Protein backbone atom coordinates (compact mmCIF):
# COMPACT_ATOMS: atom_id res chain seq x y z
CA UNK A 1 -52.99 1.27 -9.99
CA UNK A 2 -50.35 0.09 -7.53
CA UNK A 3 -50.24 1.73 -4.13
CA UNK A 4 -46.53 2.47 -4.62
CA UNK A 5 -44.87 4.06 -7.64
CA UNK A 6 -41.09 3.94 -7.74
CA UNK A 7 -38.24 5.59 -9.64
CA UNK A 8 -34.48 5.18 -9.45
CA UNK A 9 -32.55 8.41 -9.96
CA UNK A 10 -29.21 9.89 -8.89
CA UNK A 11 -28.31 6.70 -7.01
CA UNK A 12 -31.53 6.79 -4.98
CA UNK A 13 -34.78 4.85 -5.08
CA UNK A 14 -37.80 7.07 -4.50
CA UNK A 15 -41.23 5.60 -3.73
CA UNK A 16 -44.55 7.40 -3.67
CA UNK A 17 -47.30 5.93 -1.48
CA UNK A 18 -50.28 6.96 -3.59
CA UNK A 19 -52.81 5.98 -0.92
CA UNK A 20 -51.22 8.29 1.66
CA UNK A 21 -50.70 11.40 -0.50
CA UNK A 22 -52.87 14.35 0.64
CA UNK A 23 -51.71 16.76 -2.10
CA UNK A 24 -50.04 19.23 0.26
CA UNK A 25 -47.76 20.25 -2.63
CA UNK A 26 -44.74 20.53 -0.32
CA UNK A 27 -42.76 18.07 -2.46
CA UNK A 28 -43.63 19.94 -5.67
CA UNK A 29 -42.66 23.28 -4.12
CA UNK A 30 -39.31 21.82 -3.04
CA UNK A 31 -38.54 19.97 -6.31
CA UNK A 32 -40.80 21.17 -9.16
CA UNK A 33 -38.52 19.54 -11.74
CA UNK A 34 -39.00 16.13 -10.11
CA UNK A 35 -42.58 15.99 -8.80
CA UNK A 36 -45.98 16.99 -10.19
CA UNK A 37 -49.64 16.12 -9.62
CA UNK A 38 -51.30 13.54 -11.84
CA UNK A 39 -54.92 13.71 -13.04
CA UNK A 40 -56.11 12.42 -9.65
CA UNK A 41 -54.18 15.19 -7.86
CA UNK A 42 -51.75 12.70 -6.38
CA UNK A 43 -47.99 13.18 -6.31
CA UNK A 44 -46.30 11.74 -9.40
CA UNK A 45 -42.87 11.78 -11.00
CA UNK A 46 -42.26 14.41 -13.63
CA UNK A 47 -40.28 13.43 -16.70
CA UNK A 48 -36.73 14.56 -15.95
CA UNK A 49 -35.17 16.68 -18.65
CA UNK A 50 -31.94 17.10 -16.70
CA UNK A 51 -30.43 15.38 -13.72
CA UNK A 52 -31.36 16.26 -10.16
CA UNK A 53 -29.21 16.44 -7.04
CA UNK A 54 -29.65 13.78 -4.37
CA UNK A 55 -29.95 16.43 -1.68
CA UNK A 56 -32.86 18.10 -3.49
CA UNK A 57 -34.73 14.79 -3.75
CA UNK A 58 -34.15 13.99 -0.08
CA UNK A 59 -35.27 17.47 0.99
CA UNK A 60 -38.42 17.33 -1.17
CA UNK A 61 -39.39 13.94 0.21
CA UNK A 62 -38.67 14.89 3.81
CA UNK A 63 -41.18 17.77 3.78
CA UNK A 64 -44.16 15.49 3.11
CA UNK A 65 -46.49 15.98 6.10
CA UNK A 66 -47.86 12.42 5.92
CA UNK A 67 -44.62 10.56 5.06
CA UNK A 68 -45.98 9.39 1.69
CA UNK A 69 -42.52 9.67 0.09
CA UNK A 70 -39.73 7.19 0.76
CA UNK A 71 -36.07 7.46 -0.21
CA UNK A 72 -33.53 4.63 -0.14
CA UNK A 73 -29.82 4.80 -0.93
CA UNK A 74 -28.01 2.42 -3.28
CA UNK A 75 -27.48 -0.06 -0.45
CA UNK A 76 -31.18 -0.12 0.40
CA UNK A 77 -30.86 1.98 3.57
CA UNK A 78 -33.99 4.06 4.15
CA UNK A 79 -33.16 7.77 4.28
CA UNK A 80 -36.69 9.25 4.36
CA UNK A 81 -38.91 9.17 6.35
């Protein structure tokens, strides 16, 4: 599997660095509708049933203790970490 998994949502690009994830669950606690653990207990994207606010995504990614989550705006500017 690729080291990075990426999803575009709400005008943001979110990347998960699968090699860096330590399964702290901070991201899932902050945005349970957006993140989940996969079978390897690594952060993964949940299938979105409804939209999600940009601020919630940014907050959930910013609480990762090992900076395994990256967020970029539509212009490619890195917002997190």
